[in-house]
C-alpha cells in the first residue's frame, strides 16, 4: 500500500493541457478552461465541443439554432451541434465537408453573455 502511494504521488500530477490566454478586456492571463477573468470579472462562453472557454475571436463557429459557440477545429466533420443537435449547415443534414465549409464566423468584441 505504501509503495503504491509513493509511486502515484511522485512526481505530483500536472495538467499538460492548460493553456493561458490574455483576457480580451484587461489582458490578465487566464486559463483556457476558465469561464471568467479573475481580474476584471469578464465572462466567457464555453465551447460546446471541448468545454474550453471561447476567448479567441477567430475560428469560432456559432450554432444558428441555439447560438452557442465552438471552436471550428472541434466542429470539423460534424453535421449537427453537439448541444442542440441543430444541423450545422442550417439545412437537413449535409456531409462533413459541406458542414465544415458552412460554419458561421463572428467576432466576439462585446460581452458574449449579452447576446443571450
Protein backbone atom coordinates (compact mmCIF):
# COMPACT_ATOMS: atom_id res chain seq x y z
CA UNK A 1 0.00 0.00 0.00
CA UNK A 2 2.82 2.42 0.89
CA UNK A 3 4.67 1.56 -2.31
CA UNK A 4 1.61 2.31 -4.44
CA UNK A 5 1.07 5.60 -2.63
CA UNK A 6 4.69 6.69 -3.05
CA UNK A 7 4.64 5.81 -6.77
CA UNK A 8 1.35 7.57 -7.51
CA UNK A 9 2.28 10.79 -5.70
CA UNK A 10 5.73 11.30 -7.20
CA UNK A 11 6.05 13.44 -9.26
CA UNK A 12 2.94 15.45 -8.39
CA UNK A 13 0.24 15.37 -11.08
CA UNK A 14 0.21 18.20 -13.60
CA UNK A 15 -2.32 19.13 -16.24
CA UNK A 16 -0.36 19.42 -19.51
CA UNK A 17 -3.39 20.74 -21.41
CA UNK A 18 -3.61 24.07 -19.60
CA UNK A 19 -3.02 26.93 -21.97
CA UNK A 20 -3.15 30.55 -20.94
CA UNK A 21 -4.56 33.46 -22.91
CA UNK A 22 -4.82 37.18 -22.22
CA UNK A 23 -8.28 38.36 -21.20
CA UNK A 24 -9.71 40.36 -24.13
CA UNK A 25 -10.80 43.14 -21.76
CA UNK A 26 -7.95 43.57 -19.25
CA UNK A 27 -5.06 41.44 -20.65
CA UNK A 28 -4.72 39.39 -17.43
CA UNK A 29 -3.57 35.84 -18.18
CA UNK A 30 -6.36 33.28 -17.76
CA UNK A 31 -6.55 29.50 -18.27
CA UNK A 32 -8.33 28.28 -21.39
CA UNK A 33 -10.91 26.45 -19.24
CA UNK A 34 -11.80 29.49 -17.11
CA UNK A 35 -15.34 30.80 -17.54
CA UNK A 36 -14.45 34.23 -16.21
CA UNK A 37 -11.48 36.51 -15.65
CA UNK A 38 -10.29 36.69 -12.05
CA UNK A 39 -9.12 40.28 -12.54
CA UNK A 40 -11.97 42.10 -14.31
CA UNK A 41 -14.81 39.56 -13.96
CA UNK A 42 -15.50 39.22 -17.70
CA UNK A 43 -17.41 36.04 -18.54
CA UNK A 44 -16.66 33.76 -21.49
CA UNK A 45 -18.89 31.19 -23.19
CA UNK A 46 -17.74 27.57 -23.18
CA UNK A 47 -17.01 25.64 -26.37
CA UNK A 48 -19.80 23.06 -26.71
CA UNK A 49 -17.30 20.51 -28.07
CA UNK A 50 -14.29 20.83 -25.76
CA UNK A 51 -15.53 22.80 -22.75
CA UNK A 52 -12.70 25.31 -23.22
CA UNK A 53 -13.56 28.97 -22.81
CA UNK A 54 -14.17 30.72 -26.13
CA UNK A 55 -11.68 33.54 -25.68
CA UNK A 56 -10.25 33.85 -29.16
CA UNK A 57 -12.34 35.85 -31.62
CA UNK A 58 -11.36 33.95 -34.77
CA UNK A 59 -12.12 30.40 -35.89
CA UNK A 60 -15.30 30.31 -33.85
CA UNK A 61 -18.45 28.55 -35.01
CA UNK A 62 -21.84 29.76 -33.73
CA UNK A 63 -24.86 27.45 -33.90
CA UNK A 64 -27.67 29.03 -35.89
CA UNK A 65 -30.22 27.27 -33.68
CA UNK A 66 -29.04 27.62 -30.06
CA UNK A 67 -26.42 30.38 -30.59
CA UNK A 68 -23.80 28.54 -28.51
CA UNK A 69 -20.18 28.57 -29.67
CA UNK A 70 -17.49 26.07 -30.54
CA UNK A 71 -14.01 26.30 -31.98
CA UNK A 72 -14.09 25.38 -35.67
CA UNK A 73 -11.45 22.69 -35.26
CA UNK A 74 -13.80 20.86 -32.88
CA UNK A 75 -16.69 21.13 -35.35
CA UNK A 76 -14.78 19.63 -38.29
CA UNK A 77 -16.67 16.61 -39.59
CA UNK A 78 -19.80 17.25 -37.52
CA UNK A 79 -23.17 17.61 -39.15
CA UNK A 80 -25.03 18.75 -36.04
CA UNK A 81 -24.48 20.93 -32.99
CA UNK A 82 -23.28 18.80 -30.05
CA UNK A 83 -25.59 20.73 -27.71
CA UNK A 84 -28.95 21.14 -29.52
CA UNK A 85 -28.38 18.78 -32.48
CA UNK A 86 -29.35 21.51 -34.95
CA UNK A 87 -27.93 21.00 -38.43
CA UNK A 88 -24.53 22.65 -38.84
CA UNK A 89 -25.31 23.89 -42.33
CA UNK A 90 -28.79 25.12 -41.39
CA UNK A 91 -30.40 22.51 -43.64
CA UNK A 92 -31.45 18.94 -43.16
CA UNK A 93 -28.14 17.18 -42.61
CA UNK A 94 -25.29 17.62 -45.05
CA UNK A 95 -21.95 15.94 -45.36
CA UNK A 96 -18.97 16.68 -43.15
CA UNK A 97 -17.14 18.55 -45.93
CA UNK A 98 -20.19 20.75 -46.52
CA UNK A 99 -20.74 21.22 -42.79
CA UNK A 100 -17.16 22.32 -42.25
CA UNK A 101 -17.41 24.92 -45.02
CA UNK A 102 -20.67 26.41 -43.76
CA UNK A 103 -19.64 27.34 -40.24
CA UNK A 104 -20.60 30.82 -39.10
CA UNK A 105 -17.75 33.16 -38.23
CA UNK A 106 -18.26 36.09 -35.92
CA UNK A 107 -16.03 38.36 -33.90
CA UNK A 108 -16.51 38.38 -30.15
CA UNK A 109 -15.83 42.02 -29.36
CA UNK A 110 -18.70 42.56 -26.95
CA UNK A 111 -19.53 40.66 -23.78
CA UNK A 112 -20.55 37.21 -25.11
CA UNK A 113 -23.22 36.75 -22.44
CA UNK A 114 -25.07 39.91 -23.53
CA UNK A 115 -26.24 38.04 -26.62
CA UNK A 116 -28.41 35.55 -24.70
